[in-house]
Amino acid sequence: MLISPSVLNSNLGRLSEEISKVEGVADLIHLDVMDNHFVPNLSFGLPVVAGVLAHTSLPVDVHLMIDDPDRWAPAYGEAGAYSVTFHIEAAKDPVTLSKNISATGARVAAALKPGTDLDSLDGLLEHLDMILIMTVEPGFGGQAFMYDMMPKIARARELSGAHMWIEVDGGVSQNTIKDCKEAGANVFVAGSCVYSNPDPAQVVRDLKALVE
């Protein structure tokens, strides 16, 4: 059971300081890369991710909400990201892309928007280390958790078996994390509930206690 705080709702002007608040308690740190094309929001890109990698002890969990991940995603693995997630809706050749990311030494994950069926992963599962199920529409933090995604989480676990990591992203909080675990998830991205609190580390501890 892994907690991956998302910095999207943190003070990005003090990013290194914000990440340091959860070091020692979080399992990963989740970085949302958005290009204002695949999703209607703009965050940061490879230079910022590389800067984070140079200044944190946490494994970096990169979530690419971008067009043309086939071109750009492997560079995040080459920079040292622990896990690189691309969106299945944006990938032109997801099998080759997965192999290219894996060749960098990074874990490989495919993300699905709420409206994307798990059938889109046919022929790809053997090349993945993780499936990310979006429980909000991607692009903005602080959205309400979509409980109608619970069967999708359960089905992802059923299709992929015990070895696959199943990550949930969007609206994960003290009120929803146990339901996600019970459905089959084992990696939990928590953003606004962590960084809206004056003690982010304690929130991470609380979330871990709920699933462990």
C-alpha atoms as a PDB file:
ATOM      1  CA  MET A   1       0.000   0.000   0.000  1.00  0.00           C
ATOM      2  CA  LEU A   2       1.769   3.119  -1.286  1.00  0.00           C
ATOM      3  CA  ILE A   3       0.886   6.785  -0.809  1.00  0.00           C
ATOM      4  CA  SER A   4       1.971   9.127  -3.617  1.00  0.00           C
ATOM      5  CA  PRO A   5       1.207  12.767  -2.712  1.00  0.00           C
ATOM      6  CA  SER A   6       0.562  15.003  -5.696  1.00  0.00           C
ATOM      7  CA  VAL A   7       2.217  18.424  -5.672  1.00  0.00           C
ATOM      8  CA  LEU A   8      -0.398  19.925  -8.000  1.00  0.00           C
ATOM      9  CA  ASN A   9      -2.158  21.703  -5.134  1.00  0.00           C
ATOM     10  CA  SER A  10       1.020  22.594  -3.269  1.00  0.00           C
ATOM     11  CA  ASN A  11       2.839  25.930  -3.434  1.00  0.00           C
ATOM     12  CA  LEU A  12       4.682  25.371  -6.707  1.00  0.00           C
ATOM     13  CA  GLY A  13       6.808  28.429  -6.054  1.00  0.00           C
ATOM     14  CA  ARG A  14       8.351  26.486  -3.165  1.00  0.00           C
ATOM     15  CA  LEU A  15       8.255  23.057  -4.751  1.00  0.00           C
ATOM     16  CA  SER A  16      11.379  21.612  -3.167  1.00  0.00           C
ATOM     17  CA  GLU A  17      10.230  22.766   0.270  1.00  0.00           C
ATOM     18  CA  GLU A  18       6.738  21.362  -0.270  1.00  0.00           C
ATOM     19  CA  ILE A  19       8.105  17.951  -1.278  1.00  0.00           C
ATOM     20  CA  SER A  20      10.396  17.902   1.743  1.00  0.00           C
ATOM     21  CA  LYS A  21       7.315  18.116   3.990  1.00  0.00           C
ATOM     22  CA  VAL A  22       6.348  14.531   3.070  1.00  0.00           C
ATOM     23  CA  GLU A  23       9.809  12.991   2.766  1.00  0.00           C
ATOM     24  CA  GLY A  24      10.256  10.157   5.216  1.00  0.00           C
ATOM     25  CA  VAL A  25       6.530   9.360   5.320  1.00  0.00           C
ATOM     26  CA  ALA A  26       5.362   9.227   1.676  1.00  0.00           C
ATOM     27  CA  ASP A  27       6.320   6.291  -0.545  1.00  0.00           C
ATOM     28  CA  LEU A  28       6.451   8.261  -3.812  1.00  0.00           C
ATOM     29  CA  ILE A  29       5.962  11.842  -4.972  1.00  0.00           C
ATOM     30  CA  HIS A  30       3.467  12.367  -7.811  1.00  0.00           C
ATOM     31  CA  LEU A  31       4.267  14.955 -10.490  1.00  0.00           C
ATOM     32  CA  ASP A  32       1.501  15.901 -12.938  1.00  0.00           C
ATOM     33  CA  VAL A  33       2.912  17.059 -16.269  1.00  0.00           C
ATOM     34  CA  MET A  34       0.203  18.877 -18.254  1.00  0.00           C
ATOM     35  CA  ASP A  35       0.585  20.566 -21.627  1.00  0.00           C
ATOM     36  CA  ASN A  36      -2.693  22.525 -22.038  1.00  0.00           C
ATOM     37  CA  HIS A  37      -3.530  20.339 -25.051  1.00  0.00           C
ATOM     38  CA  PHE A  38      -4.360  16.856 -23.798  1.00  0.00           C
ATOM     39  CA  VAL A  39      -5.943  18.480 -20.738  1.00  0.00           C
ATOM     40  CA  PRO A  40      -7.044  22.129 -20.333  1.00  0.00           C
ATOM     41  CA  ASN A  41      -4.346  23.010 -17.833  1.00  0.00           C
ATOM     42  CA  LEU A  42      -0.624  23.785 -17.898  1.00  0.00           C
ATOM     43  CA  SER A  43       1.778  22.743 -15.155  1.00  0.00           C
ATOM     44  CA  PHE A  44       5.471  22.016 -15.810  1.00  0.00           C
ATOM     45  CA  GLY A  45       7.692  19.806 -17.928  1.00  0.00           C
ATOM     46  CA  LEU A  46      10.940  17.900 -17.994  1.00  0.00           C
ATOM     47  CA  PRO A  47      13.257  20.633 -16.633  1.00  0.00           C
ATOM     48  CA  VAL A  48      11.192  20.953 -13.441  1.00  0.00           C
ATOM     49  CA  VAL A  49      10.924  17.172 -13.059  1.00  0.00           C
ATOM     50  CA  ALA A  50      14.706  16.878 -13.499  1.00  0.00           C
ATOM     51  CA  GLY A  51      15.162  19.540 -10.832  1.00  0.00           C
ATOM     52  CA  VAL A  52      12.930  17.614  -8.431  1.00  0.00           C
ATOM     53  CA  LEU A  53      14.851  14.414  -9.123  1.00  0.00           C
ATOM     54  CA  ALA A  54      18.071  16.156  -8.117  1.00  0.00           C
ATOM     55  CA  HIS A  55      16.684  17.363  -4.800  1.00  0.00           C
ATOM     56  CA  THR A  56      14.460  14.636  -3.339  1.00  0.00           C
ATOM     57  CA  SER A  57      15.062  11.206  -1.902  1.00  0.00           C
ATOM     58  CA  LEU A  58      11.532  10.129  -2.836  1.00  0.00           C
ATOM     59  CA  PRO A  59      10.931   7.981  -5.933  1.00  0.00           C
ATOM     60  CA  VAL A  60       9.286  10.216  -8.504  1.00  0.00           C
ATOM     61  CA  ASP A  61       5.934   9.085  -9.926  1.00  0.00           C
ATOM     62  CA  VAL A  62       5.447  11.060 -13.175  1.00  0.00           C
ATOM     63  CA  HIS A  63       1.950  11.298 -14.672  1.00  0.00           C
ATOM     64  CA  LEU A  64       2.057  12.625 -18.230  1.00  0.00           C
ATOM     65  CA  MET A  65      -1.177  14.307 -19.314  1.00  0.00           C
ATOM     66  CA  ILE A  66       0.283  15.343 -22.660  1.00  0.00           C
ATOM     67  CA  ASP A  67      -0.103  14.877 -26.380  1.00  0.00           C
ATOM     68  CA  ASP A  68       2.464  12.691 -28.144  1.00  0.00           C
ATOM     69  CA  PRO A  69       3.799  10.694 -25.172  1.00  0.00           C
ATOM     70  CA  ASP A  70       5.420   8.375 -27.733  1.00  0.00           C
ATOM     71  CA  ARG A  71       7.925  11.158 -28.354  1.00  0.00           C
ATOM     72  CA  TRP A  72       8.299  12.687 -24.905  1.00  0.00           C
ATOM     73  CA  ALA A  73       7.690  10.022 -22.253  1.00  0.00           C
ATOM     74  CA  PRO A  74      10.978   8.063 -22.432  1.00  0.00           C
ATOM     75  CA  ALA A  75      12.958  11.210 -21.584  1.00  0.00           C
ATOM     76  CA  TYR A  76      11.377  11.236 -18.125  1.00  0.00           C
ATOM     77  CA  GLY A  77      12.673   7.742 -17.521  1.00  0.00           C
ATOM     78  CA  GLU A  78      16.093   8.737 -18.812  1.00  0.00           C
ATOM     79  CA  ALA A  79      16.076  11.653 -16.360  1.00  0.00           C
ATOM     80  CA  GLY A  80      15.614   9.199 -13.484  1.00  0.00           C
ATOM     81  CA  ALA A  81      11.880   8.996 -12.841  1.00  0.00           C
ATOM     82  CA  TYR A  82      10.958   5.879 -10.891  1.00  0.00           C
ATOM     83  CA  SER A  83       7.633   5.476 -12.704  1.00  0.00           C
ATOM     84  CA  VAL A  84       6.388   7.034 -15.951  1.00  0.00           C
ATOM     85  CA  THR A  85       2.656   7.030 -16.734  1.00  0.00           C
ATOM     86  CA  PHE A  86       1.268   7.870 -20.164  1.00  0.00           C
ATOM     87  CA  HIS A  87      -2.386   8.163 -21.145  1.00  0.00           C
ATOM     88  CA  ILE A  88      -3.650   5.367 -23.332  1.00  0.00           C
ATOM     89  CA  GLU A  89      -5.881   7.891 -25.141  1.00  0.00           C
ATOM     90  CA  ALA A  90      -2.811   9.849 -26.310  1.00  0.00           C
ATOM     91  CA  ALA A  91      -0.401   7.047 -27.233  1.00  0.00           C
ATOM     92  CA  LYS A  92      -0.065   6.135 -30.896  1.00  0.00           C
ATOM     93  CA  ASP A  93       1.840   2.870 -30.325  1.00  0.00           C
ATOM     94  CA  PRO A  94       1.471   2.004 -26.633  1.00  0.00           C
ATOM     95  CA  VAL A  95       3.364  -1.294 -26.838  1.00  0.00           C
ATOM     96  CA  THR A  96       6.469   0.282 -28.368  1.00  0.00           C
ATOM     97  CA  LEU A  97       6.157   3.241 -26.004  1.00  0.00           C
ATOM     98  CA  SER A  98       6.007   0.906 -23.008  1.00  0.00           C
ATOM     99  CA  LYS A  99       9.114  -0.927 -24.189  1.00  0.00           C
ATOM    100  CA  ASN A 100      10.946   2.365 -24.710  1.00  0.00           C
ATOM    101  CA  ILE A 101      10.088   3.580 -21.200  1.00  0.00           C
ATOM    102  CA  SER A 102      11.063   0.238 -19.692  1.00  0.00           C
ATOM    103  CA  ALA A 103      14.417   0.389 -21.471  1.00  0.00           C
ATOM    104  CA  THR A 104      15.258   3.495 -19.418  1.00  0.00           C
ATOM    105  CA  GLY A 105      14.856   1.511 -16.189  1.00  0.00           C
ATOM    106  CA  ALA A 106      11.614   3.198 -15.155  1.00  0.00           C
ATOM    107  CA  ARG A 107       8.426   1.418 -14.233  1.00  0.00           C
ATOM    108  CA  VAL A 108       5.766   1.701 -16.957  1.00  0.00           C
ATOM    109  CA  ALA A 109       2.155   2.688 -16.384  1.00  0.00           C
ATOM    110  CA  ALA A 110      -0.858   3.452 -18.538  1.00  0.00           C
ATOM    111  CA  ALA A 111      -3.579   5.827 -17.345  1.00  0.00           C
ATOM    112  CA  LEU A 112      -7.241   5.779 -18.327  1.00  0.00           C
ATOM    113  CA  LYS A 113      -9.668   8.681 -18.201  1.00  0.00           C
ATOM    114  CA  PRO A 114     -13.012   7.925 -16.523  1.00  0.00           C
ATOM    115  CA  GLY A 115     -14.719   7.396 -19.881  1.00  0.00           C
ATOM    116  CA  THR A 116     -12.052   5.060 -21.300  1.00  0.00           C
ATOM    117  CA  ASP A 117     -12.791   1.353 -21.145  1.00  0.00           C
ATOM    118  CA  LEU A 118     -10.277  -1.174 -19.875  1.00  0.00           C
ATOM    119  CA  ASP A 119     -10.535  -2.930 -23.233  1.00  0.00           C
ATOM    120  CA  SER A 120      -8.164  -0.234 -24.509  1.00  0.00           C
ATOM    121  CA  LEU A 121      -5.389  -2.104 -22.655  1.00  0.00           C
ATOM    122  CA  ASP A 122      -5.865  -5.304 -24.672  1.00  0.00           C
ATOM    123  CA  GLY A 123      -2.446  -6.608 -25.693  1.00  0.00           C
ATOM    124  CA  LEU A 124      -0.661  -4.123 -23.451  1.00  0.00           C
ATOM    125  CA  LEU A 125      -0.973  -5.527 -19.937  1.00  0.00           C
ATOM    126  CA  GLU A 126       2.116  -7.734 -20.209  1.00  0.00           C
ATOM    127  CA  HIS A 127       4.203  -4.615 -20.903  1.00  0.00           C
ATOM    128  CA  LEU A 128       2.933  -2.623 -17.901  1.00  0.00           C
ATOM    129  CA  ASP A 129       3.932  -2.434 -14.258  1.00  0.00           C
ATOM    130  CA  MET A 130       0.964  -0.296 -13.231  1.00  0.00           C
ATOM    131  CA  ILE A 131      -2.502   0.827 -14.349  1.00  0.00           C
ATOM    132  CA  LEU A 132      -3.686   4.273 -13.281  1.00  0.00           C
ATOM    133  CA  ILE A 133      -7.457   4.626 -12.952  1.00  0.00           C
ATOM    134  CA  MET A 134      -8.545   8.263 -12.990  1.00  0.00           C
ATOM    135  CA  THR A 135     -11.318   8.874 -10.463  1.00  0.00           C
ATOM    136  CA  VAL A 136     -11.826  12.453 -11.685  1.00  0.00           C
ATOM    137  CA  GLU A 137     -11.542  14.001 -15.128  1.00  0.00           C
ATOM    138  CA  PRO A 138      -7.826  14.776 -15.525  1.00  0.00           C
ATOM    139  CA  GLY A 139      -6.567  18.340 -15.485  1.00  0.00           C
ATOM    140  CA  PHE A 140      -7.347  19.924 -12.144  1.00  0.00           C
ATOM    141  CA  GLY A 141      -6.895  19.016  -8.486  1.00  0.00           C
ATOM    142  CA  GLY A 142      -9.580  19.261  -5.844  1.00  0.00           C
ATOM    143  CA  GLN A 143     -12.368  17.565  -7.784  1.00  0.00           C
ATOM    144  CA  ALA A 144     -14.978  15.268  -6.234  1.00  0.00           C
ATOM    145  CA  PHE A 145     -14.227  11.555  -6.243  1.00  0.00           C
ATOM    146  CA  MET A 146     -16.201   9.566  -8.844  1.00  0.00           C
ATOM    147  CA  TYR A 147     -17.571   6.536  -7.011  1.00  0.00           C
ATOM    148  CA  ASP A 148     -18.826   5.053 -10.276  1.00  0.00           C
ATOM    149  CA  MET A 149     -15.177   4.227 -11.059  1.00  0.00           C
ATOM    150  CA  MET A 150     -15.047   1.604  -8.279  1.00  0.00           C
ATOM    151  CA  PRO A 151     -16.122  -1.307 -10.544  1.00  0.00           C
ATOM    152  CA  LYS A 152     -13.428  -0.230 -13.006  1.00  0.00           C
ATOM    153  CA  ILE A 153     -10.769  -0.450 -10.288  1.00  0.00           C
ATOM    154  CA  ALA A 154     -12.028  -3.894  -9.329  1.00  0.00           C
ATOM    155  CA  ARG A 155     -12.057  -5.028 -12.953  1.00  0.00           C
ATOM    156  CA  ALA A 156      -8.511  -3.728 -13.481  1.00  0.00           C
ATOM    157  CA  ARG A 157      -7.357  -5.815 -10.547  1.00  0.00           C
ATOM    158  CA  GLU A 158      -9.203  -8.858 -11.862  1.00  0.00           C
ATOM    159  CA  LEU A 159      -7.745  -8.528 -15.353  1.00  0.00           C
ATOM    160  CA  SER A 160      -4.172  -7.837 -14.291  1.00  0.00           C
ATOM    161  CA  GLY A 161      -3.666 -10.203 -11.363  1.00  0.00           C
ATOM    162  CA  ALA A 162      -1.890  -9.729  -8.066  1.00  0.00           C
ATOM    163  CA  HIS A 163       1.467  -8.584  -9.474  1.00  0.00           C
ATOM    164  CA  MET A 164       0.166  -5.400 -11.121  1.00  0.00           C
ATOM    165  CA  TRP A 165       0.108  -2.110  -9.245  1.00  0.00           C
ATOM    166  CA  ILE A 166      -3.283  -0.377  -9.503  1.00  0.00           C
ATOM    167  CA  GLU A 167      -3.078   3.355  -8.846  1.00  0.00           C
ATOM    168  CA  VAL A 168      -6.037   5.669  -8.227  1.00  0.00           C
ATOM    169  CA  ASP A 169      -5.818   9.406  -8.844  1.00  0.00           C
ATOM    170  CA  GLY A 170      -8.443  12.022  -8.114  1.00  0.00           C
ATOM    171  CA  GLY A 171     -10.413  12.849  -4.989  1.00  0.00           C
ATOM    172  CA  VAL A 172      -8.478  10.387  -2.827  1.00  0.00           C
ATOM    173  CA  SER A 173      -8.866  11.353   0.826  1.00  0.00           C
ATOM    174  CA  GLN A 174      -9.500   9.941   4.284  1.00  0.00           C
ATOM    175  CA  ASN A 175     -13.118   9.447   3.169  1.00  0.00           C
ATOM    176  CA  THR A 176     -12.419   7.496  -0.030  1.00  0.00           C
ATOM    177  CA  ILE A 177      -9.091   5.687   0.314  1.00  0.00           C
ATOM    178  CA  LYS A 178     -10.436   2.593   2.090  1.00  0.00           C
ATOM    179  CA  ASP A 179     -13.025   2.071  -0.660  1.00  0.00           C
ATOM    180  CA  CYS A 180     -10.255   2.274  -3.252  1.00  0.00           C
ATOM    181  CA  LYS A 181      -8.214  -0.324  -1.388  1.00  0.00           C
ATOM    182  CA  GLU A 182     -11.183  -2.650  -1.050  1.00  0.00           C
ATOM    183  CA  ALA A 183     -11.797  -2.383  -4.797  1.00  0.00           C
ATOM    184  CA  GLY A 184      -8.232  -3.527  -5.487  1.00  0.00           C
ATOM    185  CA  ALA A 185      -6.003  -0.436  -5.589  1.00  0.00           C
ATOM    186  CA  ASN A 186      -2.639  -0.372  -3.853  1.00  0.00           C
ATOM    187  CA  VAL A 187      -1.148   2.994  -4.937  1.00  0.00           C
ATOM    188  CA  PHE A 188      -3.005   6.143  -3.894  1.00  0.00           C
ATOM    189  CA  VAL A 189      -2.426   9.629  -5.290  1.00  0.00           C
ATOM    190  CA  ALA A 190      -3.564  12.223  -2.766  1.00  0.00           C
ATOM    191  CA  GLY A 191      -3.189  15.888  -3.590  1.00  0.00           C
ATOM    192  CA  SER A 192      -5.527  18.483  -2.165  1.00  0.00           C
ATOM    193  CA  CYS A 193      -6.231  16.550   1.043  1.00  0.00           C
ATOM    194  CA  VAL A 194      -2.487  16.460   1.750  1.00  0.00           C
ATOM    195  CA  TYR A 195      -1.402  19.936   0.753  1.00  0.00           C
ATOM    196  CA  SER A 196      -4.496  21.807   1.960  1.00  0.00           C
ATOM    197  CA  ASN A 197      -3.560  20.695   5.476  1.00  0.00           C
ATOM    198  CA  PRO A 198      -0.969  22.600   7.532  1.00  0.00           C
ATOM    199  CA  ASP A 199       0.671  19.248   8.380  1.00  0.00           C
ATOM    200  CA  PRO A 200       0.970  17.296   5.106  1.00  0.00           C
ATOM    201  CA  ALA A 201       3.120  14.584   6.700  1.00  0.00           C
ATOM    202  CA  GLN A 202       0.446  13.789   9.269  1.00  0.00           C
ATOM    203  CA  VAL A 203      -2.168  13.455   6.534  1.00  0.00           C
ATOM    204  CA  VAL A 204       0.075  10.946   4.749  1.00  0.00           C
ATOM    205  CA  ARG A 205       0.457   9.014   8.016  1.00  0.00           C
ATOM    206  CA  ASP A 206      -3.313   9.022   8.472  1.00  0.00           C
ATOM    207  CA  LEU A 207      -3.892   7.755   4.930  1.00  0.00           C
ATOM    208  CA  LYS A 208      -1.330   4.969   5.396  1.00  0.00           C
ATOM    209  CA  ALA A 209      -2.992   3.919   8.644  1.00  0.00           C
ATOM    210  CA  LEU A 210      -6.348   3.637   6.900  1.00  0.00           C
ATOM    211  CA  VAL A 211      -5.067   1.199   4.282  1.00  0.00           C
ATOM    212  CA  GLU A 212      -2.525  -0.720   6.352  1.00  0.00           C
END
